[in-house]
Amino acid sequence: PREKIFFDPATTRAAIVTCGGLCPGINDVIRSLTMTLFYRYGVRQILGIKYGLRGLNPTLGHKPIGLTPDFVKDITHIGGSILSSSRGPQDSDVMIDYLADMKVSILFCIGGDGTMRAAEKLTQTVTARGLAMAVIGIPKTIDNDLSLIEKSFGFDTAIEKTVEAVRCAHVEAKGAHHGIGLVKIMGRESGYITATAALAQGDANFVLIPEVPFDLDGEKGFLNALKRRMETREHAVILVAEGAGQELMSQGSIQRQTDASGNVRLQDIGLFLKKSIEEYFKKENFEINLKYIEPSYMIRSVPANASDSIYCSSLGQYSVHAAMAGKTGLLVALRNDAYVHLPLSAVISGRKIDPEGNVWLRVLEATGQPASMKA
């Protein structure tokens, strides 16, 4: 908290919007923002914007809801976002017109790099118009791949739930003759969840992530390595991040599609690997029993665990302190064990596992997989 604040709590109206994919802990952040605004500063007008940035376009008809301590007191037990979410942009002038008409002084944006880019545009529009309105970002990505940020909220919960899926895959693999458990895990461009889950559980024998390319065929290829494992140990557990092996499924001249947020739609590496493994062992006349598990949506939609709840509470509190002091165009994040203010433009997805770094070397040691599965 600052010694002096910019906004008068008696006349301040705050709004909260959640955007992008779901993630454990969103409701914890909403609750923390609401409780801190209400009890620490005496702000009584707090609006929850429905359905992401769509809710800031009045032509779409999504009315905001009032948030109070009574309304949010039990929401941390619920997964997802009580405000719901959406992907895709809206016109910044339309959104600022709507916020100004509602006399909103502070806008809290919870979302990923696309949401932070939108928040930056909103800040620029506010500045150009000379409005006294603060825009504060709270970065969200379950993949833990944001640059400059020590840890994204929801990541600890994701690991905890992913480990449950890995444990089940191991039981299935051990419970059948030549059993294979294949688990597809979230991670578009980075393998943090996949690698960390492997280290947390210790049952994985192969970890496939976007940062470390691999071949399917050939003497050094994945399928040959898997066969050697099956011949010696008679079971295997494979973890694959959703963004891994995309180059193995080339679409040729077909134009790659994108979602509403502009993200490239990935091809399904899980089903591709399942089919490839089954066809390979059939050709080798080697009987296997393969079980395929994809827990992604279950992981995204669960409530936050205790560690993430504490983290989300801190993010909400520090965001309110920044906003009430008149700070704008920034995000609150944990960096080097300190909560800091960073420019909105700092939130860029792109942090990756270093194939020569400590995390990946520990994964190789834990799994026993070949250091390289490339020819």
Protein backbone atom coordinates (compact mmCIF):
# COMPACT_ATOMS: atom_id res chain seq x y z
CA PRO A 1 0.00 0.00 0.00
CA ARG A 2 1.16 3.53 -0.79
CA GLU A 3 1.16 6.34 1.76
CA LYS A 4 -0.95 8.43 -0.60
CA ILE A 5 -3.61 7.17 -3.00
CA PHE A 6 -4.88 8.68 -6.22
CA PHE A 7 -8.49 7.53 -6.31
CA ASP A 8 -11.16 8.53 -3.79
CA PRO A 9 -12.68 5.25 -2.53
CA ALA A 10 -16.08 6.89 -2.05
CA THR A 11 -16.44 7.60 -5.77
CA THR A 12 -14.23 4.87 -7.26
CA ARG A 13 -15.82 2.18 -9.41
CA ALA A 14 -13.67 -0.82 -10.31
CA ALA A 15 -14.25 -3.52 -12.93
CA ILE A 16 -12.73 -7.00 -13.25
CA VAL A 17 -12.54 -8.99 -16.50
CA THR A 18 -11.19 -12.50 -17.14
CA CYS A 19 -10.04 -13.50 -20.62
CA GLY A 20 -8.59 -16.45 -22.51
CA GLY A 21 -8.52 -20.09 -21.46
CA LEU A 22 -9.50 -21.27 -18.02
CA CYS A 23 -6.90 -21.83 -15.33
CA PRO A 24 -6.93 -22.82 -11.65
CA GLY A 25 -6.91 -19.75 -9.42
CA ILE A 26 -8.90 -17.22 -11.46
CA ASN A 27 -11.65 -17.11 -8.84
CA ASP A 28 -9.05 -16.70 -6.10
CA VAL A 29 -7.76 -13.59 -7.87
CA ILE A 30 -11.31 -12.23 -8.29
CA ARG A 31 -12.00 -12.80 -4.60
CA SER A 32 -8.74 -11.15 -3.52
CA LEU A 33 -9.38 -8.10 -5.70
CA THR A 34 -12.90 -7.72 -4.35
CA MET A 35 -12.01 -8.21 -0.69
CA THR A 36 -9.03 -5.82 -0.84
CA LEU A 37 -11.00 -3.12 -2.65
CA PHE A 38 -13.93 -3.44 -0.25
CA TYR A 39 -12.25 -3.85 3.14
CA ARG A 40 -8.79 -2.29 2.72
CA TYR A 41 -9.90 0.77 0.76
CA GLY A 42 -13.65 1.05 1.25
CA VAL A 43 -14.50 0.80 -2.47
CA ARG A 44 -18.14 -0.26 -2.66
CA GLN A 45 -18.70 -0.26 -6.43
CA ILE A 46 -17.08 -3.34 -7.96
CA LEU A 47 -18.27 -4.76 -11.27
CA GLY A 48 -17.62 -8.20 -12.72
CA ILE A 49 -17.49 -8.10 -16.53
CA LYS A 50 -19.04 -11.21 -18.08
CA TYR A 51 -17.52 -13.27 -20.92
CA GLY A 52 -14.14 -11.56 -21.23
CA LEU A 53 -13.66 -8.58 -23.54
CA ARG A 54 -17.03 -9.38 -25.13
CA GLY A 55 -18.55 -8.01 -21.96
CA LEU A 56 -16.99 -4.61 -22.67
CA ASN A 57 -18.83 -4.35 -26.00
CA PRO A 58 -22.37 -3.19 -25.10
CA THR A 59 -23.78 -4.28 -28.47
CA LEU A 60 -23.29 -7.92 -27.40
CA GLY A 61 -25.63 -7.50 -24.44
CA HIS A 62 -23.59 -9.01 -21.58
CA LYS A 63 -24.54 -7.06 -18.45
CA PRO A 64 -21.92 -6.76 -15.66
CA ILE A 65 -22.65 -8.14 -12.21
CA GLY A 66 -22.03 -6.52 -8.83
CA LEU A 67 -19.27 -8.07 -6.73
CA THR A 68 -19.35 -7.93 -2.93
CA PRO A 69 -17.59 -9.87 -0.17
CA ASP A 70 -20.73 -11.97 0.32
CA PHE A 71 -20.89 -12.75 -3.39
CA VAL A 72 -17.26 -13.90 -3.63
CA LYS A 73 -16.77 -15.51 -0.21
CA ASP A 74 -17.10 -19.10 -1.45
CA ILE A 75 -15.94 -18.85 -5.06
CA THR A 76 -12.46 -20.22 -4.38
CA HIS A 77 -14.03 -23.68 -4.09
CA ILE A 78 -15.24 -23.42 -7.71
CA GLY A 79 -13.07 -24.02 -10.76
CA GLY A 80 -12.94 -21.78 -13.80
CA SER A 81 -14.12 -18.17 -13.63
CA ILE A 82 -17.40 -17.03 -12.09
CA LEU A 83 -17.33 -14.24 -14.68
CA SER A 84 -16.82 -16.69 -17.57
CA SER A 85 -14.32 -15.93 -20.31
CA SER A 86 -13.82 -15.60 -24.04
CA ARG A 87 -11.09 -15.32 -26.64
CA GLY A 88 -10.58 -12.71 -29.31
CA PRO A 89 -10.25 -8.91 -29.49
CA GLN A 90 -12.78 -6.09 -29.28
CA ASP A 91 -12.44 -2.51 -30.46
CA SER A 92 -10.53 -0.50 -27.81
CA ASP A 93 -12.49 2.71 -28.48
CA VAL A 94 -15.80 0.86 -27.99
CA MET A 95 -14.56 -0.68 -24.75
CA ILE A 96 -13.28 2.63 -23.34
CA ASP A 97 -16.53 4.38 -24.31
CA TYR A 98 -18.44 1.73 -22.38
CA LEU A 99 -16.16 1.93 -19.33
CA ALA A 100 -16.34 5.72 -19.33
CA ASP A 101 -20.14 5.64 -19.61
CA MET A 102 -20.22 3.35 -16.55
CA LYS A 103 -17.81 5.73 -14.75
CA VAL A 104 -15.25 2.96 -14.19
CA SER A 105 -12.04 4.27 -12.62
CA ILE A 106 -10.03 1.02 -12.51
CA LEU A 107 -10.02 -1.98 -14.84
CA PHE A 108 -8.32 -5.23 -13.75
CA CYS A 109 -7.55 -7.55 -16.68
CA ILE A 110 -6.80 -11.20 -15.86
CA GLY A 111 -5.39 -13.04 -18.87
CA GLY A 112 -2.43 -14.13 -20.97
CA ASP A 113 -0.20 -12.28 -23.41
CA GLY A 114 -3.10 -11.53 -25.78
CA THR A 115 -5.07 -9.99 -22.91
CA MET A 116 -2.05 -7.92 -21.86
CA ARG A 117 -1.72 -6.62 -25.41
CA ALA A 118 -5.39 -5.63 -25.30
CA ALA A 119 -4.84 -3.97 -21.91
CA GLU A 120 -1.92 -2.04 -23.38
CA LYS A 121 -4.13 -0.75 -26.21
CA LEU A 122 -6.77 0.25 -23.66
CA THR A 123 -4.10 2.14 -21.70
CA GLN A 124 -3.00 3.97 -24.82
CA THR A 125 -6.61 4.93 -25.60
CA VAL A 126 -7.15 6.15 -22.04
CA THR A 127 -3.95 8.23 -22.19
CA ALA A 128 -4.85 9.72 -25.57
CA ARG A 129 -8.22 10.82 -24.21
CA GLY A 130 -6.78 12.17 -20.97
CA LEU A 131 -9.04 10.00 -18.82
CA ALA A 132 -8.35 9.29 -15.15
CA MET A 133 -8.64 5.52 -15.50
CA ALA A 134 -6.14 2.88 -14.36
CA VAL A 135 -5.61 -0.36 -16.28
CA ILE A 136 -3.86 -3.15 -14.35
CA GLY A 137 -2.95 -6.58 -15.74
CA ILE A 138 -2.71 -9.82 -13.82
CA PRO A 139 -0.84 -12.34 -16.01
CA LYS A 140 -2.35 -15.81 -16.43
CA THR A 141 -1.03 -18.85 -18.25
CA ILE A 142 -1.19 -22.38 -16.98
CA ASP A 143 1.88 -23.33 -19.09
CA ASN A 144 4.25 -21.19 -16.94
CA ASP A 145 5.85 -19.87 -20.13
CA LEU A 146 5.73 -16.11 -19.52
CA SER A 147 9.01 -14.23 -19.87
CA LEU A 148 10.35 -12.28 -16.85
CA ILE A 149 7.87 -13.88 -14.45
CA GLU A 150 9.00 -16.38 -11.85
CA LYS A 151 5.81 -18.45 -11.78
CA SER A 152 2.34 -18.16 -13.25
CA PHE A 153 -0.65 -18.84 -11.05
CA GLY A 154 -2.37 -22.18 -11.56
CA PHE A 155 0.90 -23.95 -12.40
CA ASP A 156 1.25 -25.71 -9.03
CA THR A 157 -2.32 -27.00 -9.26
CA ALA A 158 -1.74 -28.15 -12.83
CA ILE A 159 1.27 -30.19 -11.72
CA GLU A 160 -0.67 -31.73 -8.85
CA LYS A 161 -3.50 -32.84 -11.14
CA THR A 162 -1.20 -33.95 -13.94
CA VAL A 163 0.65 -36.20 -11.51
CA GLU A 164 -2.63 -37.99 -10.81
CA ALA A 165 -2.99 -38.75 -14.53
CA VAL A 166 0.64 -39.96 -14.72
CA ARG A 167 0.05 -42.21 -11.73
CA CYS A 168 -3.01 -43.72 -13.42
CA ALA A 169 -1.06 -44.26 -16.64
CA HIS A 170 1.61 -46.11 -14.69
CA VAL A 171 -0.97 -48.35 -13.03
CA GLU A 172 -2.52 -49.14 -16.41
CA ALA A 173 0.89 -49.88 -17.95
CA LYS A 174 1.91 -52.18 -15.11
CA GLY A 175 -1.49 -53.86 -15.07
CA ALA A 176 -1.28 -55.37 -18.55
CA HIS A 177 1.14 -57.50 -20.56
CA HIS A 178 3.40 -55.12 -22.47
CA GLY A 179 1.37 -52.19 -21.20
CA ILE A 180 1.96 -48.63 -22.41
CA GLY A 181 0.46 -45.55 -20.78
CA LEU A 182 0.42 -42.48 -23.04
CA VAL A 183 -0.52 -39.12 -21.47
CA LYS A 184 -0.98 -35.92 -23.49
CA ILE A 185 -0.36 -32.84 -21.36
CA MET A 186 -0.87 -29.10 -21.88
CA GLY A 187 2.02 -27.05 -23.22
CA ARG A 188 1.73 -25.35 -26.61
CA GLU A 189 5.28 -24.03 -26.97
CA SER A 190 6.93 -25.07 -23.74
CA GLY A 191 7.10 -28.33 -21.82
CA TYR A 192 7.16 -27.01 -18.25
CA ILE A 193 4.08 -28.89 -17.05
CA THR A 194 5.17 -32.11 -18.76
CA ALA A 195 8.75 -31.98 -17.48
CA THR A 196 7.81 -30.91 -13.95
CA ALA A 197 5.15 -33.61 -13.68
CA ALA A 198 7.76 -36.19 -14.69
CA LEU A 199 10.07 -34.97 -11.95
CA ALA A 200 7.26 -34.87 -9.40
CA GLN A 201 5.98 -38.38 -10.00
CA GLY A 202 9.00 -40.35 -11.20
CA ASP A 203 7.01 -42.94 -13.16
CA ALA A 204 7.59 -41.51 -16.66
CA ASN A 205 9.97 -43.29 -19.00
CA PHE A 206 9.73 -40.90 -21.96
CA VAL A 207 9.05 -37.15 -21.89
CA LEU A 208 8.42 -35.44 -25.24
CA ILE A 209 8.34 -31.64 -25.29
CA PRO A 210 8.35 -28.91 -28.01
CA GLU A 211 11.85 -27.73 -27.11
CA VAL A 212 13.49 -31.09 -27.86
CA PRO A 213 12.74 -32.42 -31.39
CA PHE A 214 12.70 -36.17 -31.93
CA ASP A 215 12.44 -38.63 -34.80
CA LEU A 216 9.86 -41.40 -34.86
CA ASP A 217 11.78 -43.83 -37.03
CA GLY A 218 15.38 -44.91 -37.40
CA GLU A 219 17.91 -46.46 -35.06
CA LYS A 220 17.89 -43.43 -32.72
CA GLY A 221 14.18 -42.71 -33.17
CA PHE A 222 11.54 -42.74 -30.44
CA LEU A 223 9.77 -45.89 -31.62
CA ASN A 224 12.97 -47.93 -31.58
CA ALA A 225 13.83 -46.60 -28.12
CA LEU A 226 10.35 -47.52 -26.93
CA LYS A 227 10.74 -51.05 -28.29
CA ARG A 228 14.02 -51.49 -26.42
CA ARG A 229 12.28 -50.34 -23.25
CA MET A 230 9.42 -52.79 -23.78
CA GLU A 231 11.81 -55.67 -24.41
CA THR A 232 13.74 -55.04 -21.20
CA ARG A 233 11.08 -53.72 -18.77
CA GLU A 234 7.81 -54.82 -20.43
CA HIS A 235 5.95 -51.59 -19.71
CA ALA A 236 6.36 -47.86 -20.40
CA VAL A 237 4.83 -44.51 -19.49
CA ILE A 238 5.05 -41.72 -22.08
CA LEU A 239 4.30 -38.04 -21.39
CA VAL A 240 3.90 -35.77 -24.40
CA ALA A 241 3.26 -32.01 -24.39
CA GLU A 242 0.57 -30.89 -26.83
CA GLY A 243 3.04 -28.79 -28.82
CA ALA A 244 5.64 -31.53 -29.23
CA GLY A 245 6.34 -33.23 -32.55
CA GLN A 246 4.33 -30.78 -34.68
CA GLU A 247 6.97 -31.05 -37.42
CA LEU A 248 6.19 -34.79 -37.67
CA MET A 249 2.64 -34.00 -38.77
CA SER A 250 3.38 -31.52 -41.54
CA GLN A 251 0.30 -30.22 -43.31
CA GLY A 252 2.27 -29.48 -46.46
CA SER A 253 0.63 -26.66 -48.38
CA ILE A 254 -2.46 -26.57 -46.16
CA GLN A 255 -2.72 -23.20 -44.42
CA ARG A 256 -2.52 -23.56 -40.65
CA GLN A 257 -5.60 -22.31 -38.84
CA THR A 258 -5.66 -19.99 -35.84
CA ASP A 259 -8.12 -19.56 -32.98
CA ALA A 260 -9.87 -16.32 -31.98
CA SER A 261 -6.79 -15.22 -30.02
CA GLY A 262 -4.50 -15.72 -33.01
CA ASN A 263 -2.87 -18.88 -31.67
CA VAL A 264 -2.02 -21.52 -34.27
CA ARG A 265 -4.30 -24.54 -33.92
CA LEU A 266 -2.02 -27.43 -33.08
CA GLN A 267 -2.39 -30.85 -34.61
CA ASP A 268 -3.13 -33.64 -32.15
CA ILE A 269 0.22 -35.18 -31.23
CA GLY A 270 -1.47 -37.50 -28.73
CA LEU A 271 -3.64 -39.32 -31.22
CA PHE A 272 -0.86 -39.22 -33.80
CA LEU A 273 1.56 -40.94 -31.40
CA LYS A 274 -1.06 -43.47 -30.34
CA LYS A 275 -1.65 -44.48 -33.96
CA SER A 276 2.07 -44.49 -34.79
CA ILE A 277 2.95 -46.68 -31.79
CA GLU A 278 0.17 -49.18 -32.53
CA GLU A 279 1.09 -49.44 -36.22
CA TYR A 280 4.81 -49.81 -35.46
CA PHE A 281 4.41 -52.65 -32.96
CA LYS A 282 1.87 -54.40 -35.18
CA LYS A 283 4.41 -54.33 -38.01
CA GLU A 284 7.03 -55.66 -35.60
CA ASN A 285 4.63 -58.46 -34.58
CA PHE A 286 5.00 -57.29 -30.97
CA GLU A 287 1.85 -57.34 -28.83
CA ILE A 288 1.18 -54.23 -26.73
CA ASN A 289 -1.69 -52.88 -24.62
CA LEU A 290 -1.82 -49.11 -24.99
CA LYS A 291 -3.97 -46.81 -22.84
CA TYR A 292 -4.31 -43.16 -23.90
CA ILE A 293 -5.14 -40.46 -21.32
CA GLU A 294 -5.78 -36.77 -22.02
CA PRO A 295 -6.54 -34.87 -18.78
CA SER A 296 -6.12 -31.31 -20.14
CA TYR A 297 -9.62 -29.91 -19.56
CA MET A 298 -9.87 -31.59 -16.17
CA ILE A 299 -6.65 -29.85 -15.14
CA ARG A 300 -7.73 -26.41 -16.42
CA SER A 301 -11.08 -26.41 -14.67
CA VAL A 302 -10.25 -27.53 -11.12
CA PRO A 303 -10.06 -25.14 -8.14
CA ALA A 304 -6.62 -23.91 -7.10
CA ASN A 305 -4.66 -25.81 -4.48
CA ALA A 306 -3.41 -24.14 -1.29
CA SER A 307 -0.11 -22.95 -2.81
CA ASP A 308 -1.80 -21.32 -5.79
CA SER A 309 -4.53 -19.82 -3.60
CA ILE A 310 -1.91 -18.01 -1.51
CA TYR A 311 -0.17 -16.77 -4.65
CA CYS A 312 -3.43 -15.57 -6.24
CA SER A 313 -4.38 -13.75 -3.04
CA SER A 314 -1.08 -11.87 -3.11
CA LEU A 315 -1.43 -10.96 -6.79
CA GLY A 316 -4.91 -9.56 -6.15
CA GLN A 317 -3.84 -7.51 -3.14
CA TYR A 318 -0.77 -6.01 -4.79
CA SER A 319 -2.78 -5.21 -7.92
CA VAL A 320 -5.31 -3.23 -5.90
CA HIS A 321 -2.52 -1.33 -4.09
CA ALA A 322 -1.01 -0.37 -7.46
CA ALA A 323 -4.35 0.70 -8.92
CA MET A 324 -5.47 2.79 -5.96
CA ALA A 325 -2.13 4.62 -6.03
CA GLY A 326 -2.89 5.66 -9.60
CA LYS A 327 -0.49 3.28 -11.33
CA THR A 328 -1.58 2.18 -14.79
CA GLY A 329 -0.39 0.30 -17.85
CA LEU A 330 1.37 -2.31 -15.76
CA LEU A 331 1.09 -5.84 -14.50
CA VAL A 332 1.88 -7.27 -11.09
CA ALA A 333 4.17 -10.30 -11.04
CA LEU A 334 6.50 -12.30 -8.87
CA ARG A 335 10.15 -11.93 -9.85
CA ASN A 336 13.17 -12.94 -7.78
CA ASP A 337 10.91 -13.56 -4.77
CA ALA A 338 9.51 -10.02 -4.90
CA TYR A 339 6.19 -8.68 -6.23
CA VAL A 340 7.01 -6.06 -8.84
CA HIS A 341 5.38 -3.80 -11.41
CA LEU A 342 6.28 -4.58 -15.03
CA PRO A 343 5.17 -2.97 -18.31
CA LEU A 344 2.22 -4.73 -19.92
CA SER A 345 4.41 -5.40 -22.94
CA ALA A 346 6.69 -7.56 -20.76
CA VAL A 347 4.17 -10.42 -20.75
CA ILE A 348 5.20 -12.40 -23.78
CA SER A 349 4.78 -16.14 -24.03
CA GLY A 350 8.10 -17.57 -25.05
CA ARG A 351 10.00 -18.90 -22.08
CA LYS A 352 11.14 -22.40 -22.93
CA ILE A 353 13.00 -25.27 -21.31
CA ASP A 354 16.68 -25.18 -22.18
CA PRO A 355 17.64 -28.59 -23.66
CA GLU A 356 21.09 -28.08 -22.11
CA GLY A 357 19.74 -26.72 -18.83
CA ASN A 358 19.23 -28.19 -15.40
CA VAL A 359 15.52 -29.02 -15.67
CA TRP A 360 15.88 -31.09 -18.84
CA LEU A 361 19.01 -32.85 -17.62
CA ARG A 362 17.13 -33.85 -14.47
CA VAL A 363 14.29 -35.20 -16.62
CA LEU A 364 16.75 -37.33 -18.60
CA GLU A 365 18.18 -38.69 -15.37
CA ALA A 366 14.73 -39.39 -13.91
CA THR A 367 13.36 -41.16 -17.00
CA GLY A 368 16.43 -42.88 -18.37
CA GLN A 369 15.38 -41.98 -21.91
CA PRO A 370 18.06 -41.37 -24.55
CA ALA A 371 19.60 -37.90 -24.44
CA SER A 372 18.75 -37.57 -28.14
CA MET A 373 16.19 -39.32 -30.32
CA LYS A 374 17.28 -37.55 -33.49
CA ALA A 375 19.39 -39.13 -36.22
